[in-house]
């Protein structure tokens, strides 16, 4: 994960993120985007919801804020949380976090 410290971040580029909110906030400040998988016991609160397209496997598309004592101080902006049921490949529910609110949920999950 330390290689992220040496990476020159490009504005508007997407990166695979790791659950390190200090580094993710740095990516956001560089106008870069990240996509990562949510970990279990992830402490957040829902701020807003978009309608998910259940026919395509999208169960929810939310704007969230971090609630954890340490995490909320490291990343104070809203994140986007997309829950997707991957019936084709894994048969599992996958939950993604991103700082990109412009692209549709399908694009984010493909990234």
Foldseek 3Di string as FASTA:
>chain_A
DCVLVVDDADAAEEDEDDPDLLSQVVNVVNNYKYKYWDDPPFAKDFDDWDDFDVVQFWPTWTWIAGDDPVNCVNHVHIKIKIWGQDVPPDRDITIMIMRDPPDDPVVSVVD
